[in-house]
N, C-alpha and C. Protein backbone atom coordinates (compact mmCIF):
# COMPACT_ATOMS: atom_id res chain seq x y z
N MET A 1 0.83 -1.19 0.00
CA MET A 1 0.00 0.00 0.00
C MET A 1 0.87 1.24 0.00
N LYS A 2 0.49 2.22 -0.80
CA LYS A 2 1.31 3.43 -0.86
C LYS A 2 1.17 4.22 0.44
N GLU A 3 2.18 4.99 0.71
CA GLU A 3 2.19 5.81 1.93
C GLU A 3 1.13 6.91 1.81
N LEU A 4 0.29 7.02 2.79
CA LEU A 4 -0.74 8.05 2.80
C LEU A 4 -0.27 9.21 3.66
N ASN A 5 -0.56 10.43 3.21
CA ASN A 5 -0.28 11.56 4.08
C ASN A 5 -1.49 11.79 4.99
N ARG A 6 -1.36 12.71 5.90
CA ARG A 6 -2.40 12.96 6.90
C ARG A 6 -3.75 13.30 6.27
N ASP A 7 -3.73 14.14 5.23
CA ASP A 7 -4.99 14.51 4.57
C ASP A 7 -5.64 13.31 3.90
N GLU A 8 -4.83 12.46 3.28
CA GLU A 8 -5.37 11.27 2.61
C GLU A 8 -5.95 10.29 3.64
N ILE A 9 -5.31 10.18 4.79
CA ILE A 9 -5.82 9.32 5.86
C ILE A 9 -7.19 9.84 6.32
N PHE A 10 -7.29 11.16 6.51
CA PHE A 10 -8.55 11.76 6.92
C PHE A 10 -9.64 11.48 5.89
N ILE A 11 -9.31 11.61 4.61
CA ILE A 11 -10.29 11.36 3.54
C ILE A 11 -10.75 9.91 3.58
N GLU A 12 -9.82 8.97 3.77
CA GLU A 12 -10.19 7.54 3.84
C GLU A 12 -11.08 7.26 5.05
N ILE A 13 -10.77 7.86 6.18
CA ILE A 13 -11.58 7.65 7.38
C ILE A 13 -12.96 8.26 7.19
N LYS A 14 -12.99 9.43 6.59
CA LYS A 14 -14.28 10.09 6.32
C LYS A 14 -15.13 9.21 5.42
N LYS A 15 -14.51 8.68 4.35
CA LYS A 15 -15.25 7.78 3.43
C LYS A 15 -15.78 6.57 4.18
N ALA A 16 -14.95 6.01 5.06
CA ALA A 16 -15.37 4.83 5.83
C ALA A 16 -16.56 5.17 6.72
N LEU A 17 -16.51 6.30 7.39
CA LEU A 17 -17.61 6.70 8.27
C LEU A 17 -18.90 6.91 7.48
N ILE A 18 -18.78 7.50 6.31
CA ILE A 18 -19.96 7.72 5.45
C ILE A 18 -20.52 6.39 4.97
N ASP A 19 -19.63 5.51 4.48
CA ASP A 19 -20.06 4.21 3.94
C ASP A 19 -20.61 3.28 5.01
N LEU A 20 -19.90 3.18 6.13
CA LEU A 20 -20.27 2.23 7.17
C LEU A 20 -21.49 2.67 7.98
N PHE A 21 -21.60 3.97 8.23
CA PHE A 21 -22.60 4.45 9.19
C PHE A 21 -23.59 5.45 8.60
N GLU A 22 -23.52 5.64 7.27
CA GLU A 22 -24.45 6.53 6.56
C GLU A 22 -24.47 7.93 7.17
N LEU A 23 -23.28 8.44 7.47
CA LEU A 23 -23.16 9.78 8.01
C LEU A 23 -23.03 10.79 6.88
N GLU A 24 -23.28 12.04 7.19
CA GLU A 24 -23.15 13.11 6.21
C GLU A 24 -21.72 13.62 6.18
N ASP A 25 -21.21 13.87 4.98
CA ASP A 25 -19.86 14.38 4.79
C ASP A 25 -19.61 15.63 5.65
N ALA A 26 -20.56 16.54 5.64
CA ALA A 26 -20.41 17.82 6.36
C ALA A 26 -20.31 17.64 7.87
N ASP A 27 -20.80 16.52 8.40
CA ASP A 27 -20.77 16.27 9.84
C ASP A 27 -19.43 15.77 10.34
N ILE A 28 -18.54 15.42 9.42
CA ILE A 28 -17.28 14.77 9.81
C ILE A 28 -16.10 15.74 9.61
N GLN A 29 -15.61 16.24 10.73
CA GLN A 29 -14.43 17.11 10.76
C GLN A 29 -13.41 16.46 11.69
N LEU A 30 -12.18 16.95 11.66
CA LEU A 30 -11.15 16.38 12.53
C LEU A 30 -11.57 16.43 14.00
N GLU A 31 -12.18 17.52 14.41
CA GLU A 31 -12.52 17.68 15.84
C GLU A 31 -13.83 17.00 16.24
N THR A 32 -14.53 16.40 15.28
CA THR A 32 -15.80 15.75 15.56
C THR A 32 -15.61 14.58 16.54
N LYS A 33 -16.44 14.55 17.56
CA LYS A 33 -16.40 13.47 18.56
C LYS A 33 -17.18 12.26 18.03
N LEU A 34 -16.53 11.11 18.04
CA LEU A 34 -17.14 9.90 17.47
C LEU A 34 -18.41 9.48 18.20
N TYR A 35 -18.35 9.47 19.52
CA TYR A 35 -19.47 8.93 20.29
C TYR A 35 -20.55 9.97 20.55
N GLN A 36 -20.16 11.17 20.96
CA GLN A 36 -21.16 12.19 21.27
C GLN A 36 -21.81 12.78 20.03
N GLU A 37 -21.00 13.15 19.04
CA GLU A 37 -21.54 13.88 17.89
C GLU A 37 -22.00 12.97 16.75
N LEU A 38 -21.32 11.85 16.56
CA LEU A 38 -21.69 10.95 15.45
C LEU A 38 -22.54 9.77 15.93
N ASP A 39 -22.77 9.69 17.23
CA ASP A 39 -23.60 8.62 17.81
C ASP A 39 -23.08 7.22 17.51
N LEU A 40 -21.78 7.06 17.42
CA LEU A 40 -21.22 5.73 17.24
C LEU A 40 -21.21 5.03 18.60
N ASP A 41 -21.30 3.71 18.56
CA ASP A 41 -21.21 2.95 19.81
C ASP A 41 -20.02 2.00 19.70
N SER A 42 -19.85 1.15 20.70
CA SER A 42 -18.67 0.28 20.72
C SER A 42 -18.67 -0.71 19.56
N LEU A 43 -19.84 -1.17 19.13
CA LEU A 43 -19.90 -2.07 17.96
C LEU A 43 -19.48 -1.33 16.69
N ASP A 44 -19.91 -0.08 16.58
CA ASP A 44 -19.50 0.73 15.43
C ASP A 44 -17.98 0.91 15.42
N ALA A 45 -17.42 1.11 16.60
CA ALA A 45 -15.97 1.27 16.71
C ALA A 45 -15.25 0.01 16.22
N VAL A 46 -15.80 -1.15 16.55
CA VAL A 46 -15.21 -2.42 16.08
C VAL A 46 -15.27 -2.48 14.55
N ASP A 47 -16.41 -2.12 13.97
CA ASP A 47 -16.54 -2.10 12.51
C ASP A 47 -15.50 -1.17 11.88
N LEU A 48 -15.32 -0.02 12.50
CA LEU A 48 -14.34 0.94 11.99
C LEU A 48 -12.93 0.38 12.08
N VAL A 49 -12.61 -0.27 13.20
CA VAL A 49 -11.28 -0.88 13.37
C VAL A 49 -11.04 -1.94 12.29
N VAL A 50 -12.04 -2.78 12.03
CA VAL A 50 -11.90 -3.82 11.00
C VAL A 50 -11.63 -3.17 9.64
N HIS A 51 -12.37 -2.12 9.34
CA HIS A 51 -12.18 -1.41 8.07
C HIS A 51 -10.76 -0.81 7.99
N LEU A 52 -10.31 -0.20 9.07
CA LEU A 52 -8.98 0.42 9.09
C LEU A 52 -7.88 -0.62 8.98
N GLN A 53 -8.12 -1.81 9.55
CA GLN A 53 -7.13 -2.89 9.42
C GLN A 53 -6.99 -3.29 7.95
N LYS A 54 -8.13 -3.36 7.24
CA LYS A 54 -8.07 -3.67 5.81
C LYS A 54 -7.33 -2.58 5.05
N LEU A 55 -7.61 -1.34 5.41
CA LEU A 55 -6.99 -0.19 4.75
C LEU A 55 -5.48 -0.17 4.95
N THR A 56 -5.05 -0.43 6.18
CA THR A 56 -3.62 -0.30 6.50
C THR A 56 -2.86 -1.60 6.34
N GLY A 57 -3.57 -2.73 6.36
CA GLY A 57 -2.88 -4.01 6.35
C GLY A 57 -2.20 -4.31 7.67
N LYS A 58 -2.53 -3.54 8.70
CA LYS A 58 -1.92 -3.70 10.02
C LYS A 58 -2.97 -4.09 11.04
N LYS A 59 -2.56 -4.83 12.03
CA LYS A 59 -3.46 -5.20 13.12
C LYS A 59 -3.53 -4.03 14.11
N ILE A 60 -4.74 -3.63 14.42
CA ILE A 60 -4.93 -2.54 15.38
C ILE A 60 -5.23 -3.16 16.74
N LYS A 61 -4.46 -2.76 17.73
CA LYS A 61 -4.66 -3.30 19.08
C LYS A 61 -5.88 -2.62 19.70
N PRO A 62 -6.83 -3.40 20.20
CA PRO A 62 -8.05 -2.82 20.80
C PRO A 62 -7.73 -1.80 21.90
N ASP A 63 -6.67 -2.04 22.67
CA ASP A 63 -6.32 -1.11 23.74
C ASP A 63 -6.00 0.27 23.20
N GLU A 64 -5.32 0.33 22.06
CA GLU A 64 -4.98 1.61 21.46
C GLU A 64 -6.25 2.35 21.04
N PHE A 65 -7.21 1.60 20.57
CA PHE A 65 -8.41 2.24 20.04
C PHE A 65 -9.36 2.70 21.14
N LYS A 66 -9.18 2.18 22.36
CA LYS A 66 -10.03 2.61 23.47
C LYS A 66 -9.84 4.09 23.78
N LEU A 67 -8.67 4.62 23.47
CA LEU A 67 -8.36 6.02 23.77
C LEU A 67 -8.90 6.98 22.72
N VAL A 68 -9.38 6.45 21.62
CA VAL A 68 -9.85 7.27 20.51
C VAL A 68 -11.21 7.90 20.86
N ARG A 69 -11.28 9.22 20.72
CA ARG A 69 -12.52 9.93 21.02
C ARG A 69 -13.01 10.77 19.84
N SER A 70 -12.07 11.25 19.02
CA SER A 70 -12.45 12.13 17.91
C SER A 70 -11.95 11.57 16.59
N VAL A 71 -12.42 12.15 15.50
CA VAL A 71 -11.95 11.74 14.17
C VAL A 71 -10.44 11.95 14.08
N GLU A 72 -9.95 13.03 14.66
CA GLU A 72 -8.51 13.30 14.62
C GLU A 72 -7.72 12.21 15.35
N ASP A 73 -8.28 11.67 16.44
CA ASP A 73 -7.62 10.56 17.15
C ASP A 73 -7.49 9.34 16.23
N VAL A 74 -8.52 9.10 15.42
CA VAL A 74 -8.47 7.98 14.47
C VAL A 74 -7.38 8.23 13.44
N VAL A 75 -7.33 9.45 12.92
CA VAL A 75 -6.29 9.83 11.94
C VAL A 75 -4.91 9.60 12.55
N ASN A 76 -4.72 10.06 13.78
CA ASN A 76 -3.42 9.89 14.46
C ASN A 76 -3.06 8.41 14.62
N SER A 77 -4.04 7.60 15.00
CA SER A 77 -3.80 6.16 15.17
C SER A 77 -3.36 5.51 13.86
N VAL A 78 -4.07 5.83 12.79
CA VAL A 78 -3.73 5.24 11.49
C VAL A 78 -2.37 5.75 11.02
N GLU A 79 -2.11 7.03 11.23
CA GLU A 79 -0.82 7.60 10.84
C GLU A 79 0.32 6.89 11.58
N ASN A 80 0.15 6.66 12.87
CA ASN A 80 1.16 5.96 13.66
C ASN A 80 1.34 4.51 13.19
N LEU A 81 0.23 3.85 12.87
CA LEU A 81 0.31 2.48 12.36
C LEU A 81 1.11 2.40 11.07
N LEU A 82 0.84 3.35 10.17
CA LEU A 82 1.53 3.34 8.88
C LEU A 82 3.01 3.63 9.05
N LYS A 83 3.36 4.45 10.01
CA LYS A 83 4.77 4.76 10.26
C LYS A 83 5.51 3.54 10.79
N GLU A 84 4.80 2.66 11.52
CA GLU A 84 5.42 1.46 12.09
C GLU A 84 5.97 0.53 11.02
N LYS A 85 5.38 0.60 9.82
CA LYS A 85 5.81 -0.28 8.72
C LYS A 85 7.25 -0.02 8.33
N GLU A 86 7.66 1.23 8.42
CA GLU A 86 8.99 1.62 7.92
C GLU A 86 10.11 0.96 8.67
C-alpha cells in the first residue's frame, strides 16, 4: 500500500464513516467526537477498526483504540500504524 499523508488518511476515514454508518460528509471534521456527535457505539468502533485494518494491512490493538474519542484521534492512530511499517 502506498504511503498516505495525513490529509489522505482523513479522507479515507471520512469515506469509511460515510459508507459504514451513513453519516453526512459535512458532519465529519477532525474535531468531531465519534461517540457524542456521530452517535457511534462500541460495535461501530469495532466495525471501523476492521475497516482500518483492511486499509492499512496492520493489526490494530483494541487497547490503542479505546483512547480514541475524535476523528482526529483515528487519523493519528492510522498515521502511527503506517509509520510502524517503515
